[in-house]
Amino acid sequence: MNRPEATFENLPFMVVQLLEKVDGLEKKIEAVLSKKPEEHEYMNVEQAIAFLQIAKSTLYNKVHKKEIPYVKFNGSLRFKKAELRKYLEGQSIGIAEEDAQKWGALADGMFSKTKKRK
C-alpha cells in the first residue's frame, strides 16, 4: 500500500483517514455482534410452518409422533432453527434408488405370479 510520508504538515489529514477507518471497523464489528447465531434462534409454531413450508396440522402430527425436534416453553412449542434445518437436510426427496429397486422387484414378482385364465 502506498502511504504518504508522515510529516507534521499532513498529520491532520492522516488522522482524519485513520478515524474514518476506525469508524468503518466499529460498524462492521457491531453488525457481526448483533447477529444472533442461528443455533440459538427459536421459532414459534407459525414461524416453523413457514420455514418448513408445511401445514399446521402436519407440524402438530410430527410433534405428536416425535419426528421433529421441539421444546415446550411455558406450554408453547418452540423449535430451534438450526435443528429444523438439520431435520430438513435429513429428509429424502422421493424414493431412494435402492427402495425403488425393491419396489420394482416386488411389483415384478406380483405380476409374474398371476394365473392365466383359460
Protein backbone atom coordinates (compact mmCIF):
# COMPACT_ATOMS: atom_id res chain seq x y z
CA MET A 1 0.00 0.00 0.00
CA ASN A 2 1.37 3.40 -0.96
CA ARG A 3 1.19 5.75 2.05
CA PRO A 4 2.27 9.35 2.17
CA GLU A 5 5.17 10.18 4.43
CA ALA A 6 4.11 11.14 7.96
CA THR A 7 5.09 14.76 8.31
CA PHE A 8 3.83 17.49 10.58
CA GLU A 9 2.02 19.14 7.66
CA ASN A 10 0.00 16.08 6.55
CA LEU A 11 -0.64 14.76 10.08
CA PRO A 12 -4.21 16.22 10.30
CA PHE A 13 -5.12 14.54 7.00
CA MET A 14 -3.74 11.18 8.20
CA VAL A 15 -5.63 11.43 11.49
CA VAL A 16 -8.90 12.03 9.60
CA GLN A 17 -8.25 8.96 7.42
CA LEU A 18 -7.46 6.88 10.49
CA LEU A 19 -10.65 7.97 12.25
CA GLU A 20 -12.74 7.08 9.16
CA LYS A 21 -11.21 3.62 9.06
CA VAL A 22 -11.85 3.10 12.79
CA ASP A 23 -15.49 4.16 12.35
CA GLY A 24 -15.90 1.70 9.49
CA LEU A 25 -14.40 -1.11 11.56
CA GLU A 26 -16.67 -0.30 14.51
CA LYS A 27 -19.75 -0.53 12.27
CA LYS A 28 -18.64 -3.89 10.90
CA ILE A 29 -17.95 -5.27 14.38
CA GLU A 30 -21.36 -4.08 15.64
CA ALA A 31 -23.08 -5.74 12.68
CA VAL A 32 -21.34 -9.05 13.37
CA LEU A 33 -22.02 -8.93 17.11
CA SER A 34 -25.67 -8.00 16.64
CA LYS A 35 -26.38 -11.10 14.55
CA LYS A 36 -27.97 -13.80 16.64
CA PRO A 37 -26.42 -17.21 15.98
CA GLU A 38 -28.91 -19.48 14.24
CA GLU A 39 -28.21 -22.30 16.66
CA HIS A 40 -29.85 -20.27 19.46
CA GLU A 41 -32.70 -18.84 17.40
CA TYR A 42 -36.07 -20.26 18.43
CA MET A 43 -39.23 -20.15 16.33
CA ASN A 44 -42.86 -20.42 17.32
CA VAL A 45 -45.36 -22.66 15.51
CA GLU A 46 -46.26 -20.07 12.86
CA GLN A 47 -42.61 -19.37 12.07
CA ALA A 48 -41.83 -23.10 11.95
CA ILE A 49 -44.61 -23.89 9.47
CA ALA A 50 -43.46 -21.01 7.29
CA PHE A 51 -39.85 -22.23 7.49
CA LEU A 52 -40.74 -25.88 6.80
CA GLN A 53 -43.48 -24.96 4.31
CA ILE A 54 -45.94 -27.47 5.77
CA ALA A 55 -49.46 -27.24 7.16
CA LYS A 56 -50.02 -26.57 10.84
CA SER A 57 -51.74 -29.96 11.24
CA THR A 58 -48.72 -31.68 9.68
CA LEU A 59 -46.40 -29.94 12.13
CA TYR A 60 -48.52 -30.95 15.12
CA ASN A 61 -48.69 -34.52 13.78
CA LYS A 62 -44.89 -34.65 13.51
CA VAL A 63 -44.57 -33.25 17.03
CA HIS A 64 -47.03 -35.84 18.36
CA LYS A 65 -45.05 -38.65 16.68
CA LYS A 66 -41.79 -37.08 17.92
CA GLU A 67 -40.50 -36.95 14.36
CA ILE A 68 -39.40 -33.35 14.64
CA PRO A 69 -37.22 -31.70 17.32
CA TYR A 70 -39.04 -29.27 19.62
CA VAL A 71 -39.13 -27.90 23.16
CA LYS A 72 -42.00 -26.66 25.27
CA PHE A 73 -41.65 -23.30 26.95
CA ASN A 74 -44.47 -22.21 29.26
CA GLY A 75 -46.81 -24.59 27.45
CA SER A 76 -45.89 -23.29 23.98
CA LEU A 77 -44.00 -25.22 21.35
CA ARG A 78 -40.67 -23.79 20.23
CA PHE A 79 -38.35 -25.01 17.51
CA LYS A 80 -34.63 -24.33 17.11
CA LYS A 81 -33.99 -23.11 13.60
CA ALA A 82 -30.66 -24.96 13.37
CA GLU A 83 -32.33 -28.25 14.38
CA LEU A 84 -35.14 -27.77 11.88
CA ARG A 85 -32.55 -27.15 9.19
CA LYS A 86 -30.83 -30.44 10.13
CA TYR A 87 -34.22 -32.17 10.09
CA LEU A 88 -34.89 -30.90 6.58
CA GLU A 89 -31.47 -31.97 5.37
CA GLY A 90 -32.10 -35.47 6.73
CA GLN A 91 -35.33 -35.89 4.78
CA SER A 92 -35.05 -37.73 1.50
CA ILE A 93 -36.79 -36.43 -1.54
CA GLY A 94 -38.75 -39.09 -3.37
CA ILE A 95 -37.78 -42.74 -3.19
CA ALA A 96 -34.15 -43.68 -2.73
CA GLU A 97 -32.60 -45.70 -5.55
CA GLU A 98 -32.39 -48.92 -3.53
CA ASP A 99 -36.00 -48.55 -2.37
CA ALA A 100 -37.07 -48.03 -5.97
CA GLN A 101 -35.32 -51.28 -6.93
CA LYS A 102 -37.02 -53.18 -4.08
CA TRP A 103 -40.44 -51.86 -5.06
CA GLY A 104 -39.77 -52.65 -8.69
CA ALA A 105 -38.75 -56.21 -7.85
CA LEU A 106 -41.81 -56.64 -5.64
CA ALA A 107 -44.11 -55.37 -8.38
CA ASP A 108 -42.47 -57.67 -10.96
CA GLY A 109 -42.94 -60.63 -8.65
CA MET A 110 -46.57 -59.82 -8.03
CA PHE A 111 -47.45 -59.56 -11.69
CA SER A 112 -45.41 -62.53 -12.88
CA LYS A 113 -47.17 -64.90 -10.45
CA THR A 114 -50.67 -64.14 -11.69
CA LYS A 115 -52.53 -67.12 -13.04
CA LYS A 116 -53.51 -67.21 -16.64
CA ARG A 117 -57.18 -67.61 -17.35
CA LYS A 118 -58.29 -70.46 -19.55
